[in-house]
Amino acid sequence: MYQSDITQFLNQLKEQKPTLEAEQRRGRSLLWDKQPVDLEERAEQQASRVQQTSYQYYQNF
């Protein structure tokens, strides 16, 4: 059965480093898998924000 060079390389890599897929999943979970957003907490955070002026460094006293 024919296997491309890339497939052969990936199979070799998986044989040499059997923990590769688990490490990839762990890295993905750190960067992409997020906890669900609590809508009540988000509303409280937005309500407690201080409105900024359009230009921060000029205050018309």
C-alpha atoms as a PDB file:
ATOM      1  CA  MET A   1       0.000   0.000   0.000  1.00  0.00           C
ATOM      2  CA  TYR A   2       1.348   3.415  -0.958  1.00  0.00           C
ATOM      3  CA  GLN A   3       2.144   5.958   1.770  1.00  0.00           C
ATOM      4  CA  SER A   4       3.315   9.451   1.005  1.00  0.00           C
ATOM      5  CA  ASP A   5       6.550  10.802   2.426  1.00  0.00           C
ATOM      6  CA  ILE A   6       4.632  12.979   4.865  1.00  0.00           C
ATOM      7  CA  THR A   7       2.594  10.039   6.159  1.00  0.00           C
ATOM      8  CA  GLN A   8       5.755   7.989   6.621  1.00  0.00           C
ATOM      9  CA  PHE A   9       7.398  10.891   8.454  1.00  0.00           C
ATOM     10  CA  LEU A  10       4.413  11.321  10.788  1.00  0.00           C
ATOM     11  CA  ASN A  11       4.269   7.600  11.525  1.00  0.00           C
ATOM     12  CA  GLN A  12       8.000   7.597  12.331  1.00  0.00           C
ATOM     13  CA  LEU A  13       7.611  10.639  14.547  1.00  0.00           C
ATOM     14  CA  LYS A  14       4.745   9.015  16.469  1.00  0.00           C
ATOM     15  CA  GLU A  15       6.823   5.866  16.961  1.00  0.00           C
ATOM     16  CA  GLN A  16       9.797   7.867  18.250  1.00  0.00           C
ATOM     17  CA  LYS A  17       7.711  10.081  20.501  1.00  0.00           C
ATOM     18  CA  PRO A  18       4.542   8.261  21.624  1.00  0.00           C
ATOM     19  CA  THR A  19       3.476  11.117  23.933  1.00  0.00           C
ATOM     20  CA  LEU A  20       3.317  13.616  21.069  1.00  0.00           C
ATOM     21  CA  GLU A  21      -0.464  13.586  20.629  1.00  0.00           C
ATOM     22  CA  ALA A  22      -1.100  13.973  24.361  1.00  0.00           C
ATOM     23  CA  GLU A  23       1.294  16.933  24.483  1.00  0.00           C
ATOM     24  CA  GLN A  24      -0.471  18.518  21.521  1.00  0.00           C
ATOM     25  CA  ARG A  25      -3.858  18.110  23.198  1.00  0.00           C
ATOM     26  CA  ARG A  26      -2.509  19.615  26.429  1.00  0.00           C
ATOM     27  CA  GLY A  27      -1.131  22.614  24.522  1.00  0.00           C
ATOM     28  CA  ARG A  28      -4.397  23.069  22.667  1.00  0.00           C
ATOM     29  CA  SER A  29      -6.347  23.063  25.908  1.00  0.00           C
ATOM     30  CA  LEU A  30      -4.096  25.780  27.331  1.00  0.00           C
ATOM     31  CA  LEU A  31      -4.603  28.106  24.381  1.00  0.00           C
ATOM     32  CA  TRP A  32      -8.044  27.356  22.966  1.00  0.00           C
ATOM     33  CA  ASP A  33     -10.323  25.510  25.390  1.00  0.00           C
ATOM     34  CA  LYS A  34     -11.894  28.150  27.608  1.00  0.00           C
ATOM     35  CA  GLN A  35     -14.253  27.923  30.559  1.00  0.00           C
ATOM     36  CA  PRO A  36     -17.868  28.966  29.964  1.00  0.00           C
ATOM     37  CA  VAL A  37     -18.573  32.642  30.594  1.00  0.00           C
ATOM     38  CA  ASP A  38     -20.721  33.505  33.610  1.00  0.00           C
ATOM     39  CA  LEU A  39     -23.160  36.069  32.212  1.00  0.00           C
ATOM     40  CA  GLU A  40     -24.024  37.601  35.592  1.00  0.00           C
ATOM     41  CA  GLU A  41     -20.361  38.135  36.438  1.00  0.00           C
ATOM     42  CA  ARG A  42     -19.725  39.667  33.022  1.00  0.00           C
ATOM     43  CA  ALA A  43     -22.656  42.073  33.491  1.00  0.00           C
ATOM     44  CA  GLU A  44     -21.281  43.122  36.892  1.00  0.00           C
ATOM     45  CA  GLN A  45     -17.841  43.741  35.399  1.00  0.00           C
ATOM     46  CA  GLN A  46     -19.249  45.851  32.587  1.00  0.00           C
ATOM     47  CA  ALA A  47     -21.428  47.842  35.003  1.00  0.00           C
ATOM     48  CA  SER A  48     -18.457  48.626  37.240  1.00  0.00           C
ATOM     49  CA  ARG A  49     -16.314  50.064  34.431  1.00  0.00           C
ATOM     50  CA  VAL A  50     -15.462  53.737  34.554  1.00  0.00           C
ATOM     51  CA  GLN A  51     -16.292  55.602  31.360  1.00  0.00           C
ATOM     52  CA  GLN A  52     -13.228  57.030  29.665  1.00  0.00           C
ATOM     53  CA  THR A  53     -13.072  60.346  27.918  1.00  0.00           C
ATOM     54  CA  SER A  54     -12.439  60.427  24.196  1.00  0.00           C
ATOM     55  CA  TYR A  55      -8.908  61.762  24.675  1.00  0.00           C
ATOM     56  CA  GLN A  56      -7.230  60.551  27.845  1.00  0.00           C
ATOM     57  CA  TYR A  57      -4.409  63.060  28.147  1.00  0.00           C
ATOM     58  CA  TYR A  58      -6.454  66.234  27.916  1.00  0.00           C
ATOM     59  CA  GLN A  59      -8.731  67.120  30.770  1.00  0.00           C
ATOM     60  CA  ASN A  60     -10.759  70.278  30.374  1.00  0.00           C
ATOM     61  CA  PHE A  61     -10.723  71.515  33.966  1.00  0.00           C
END
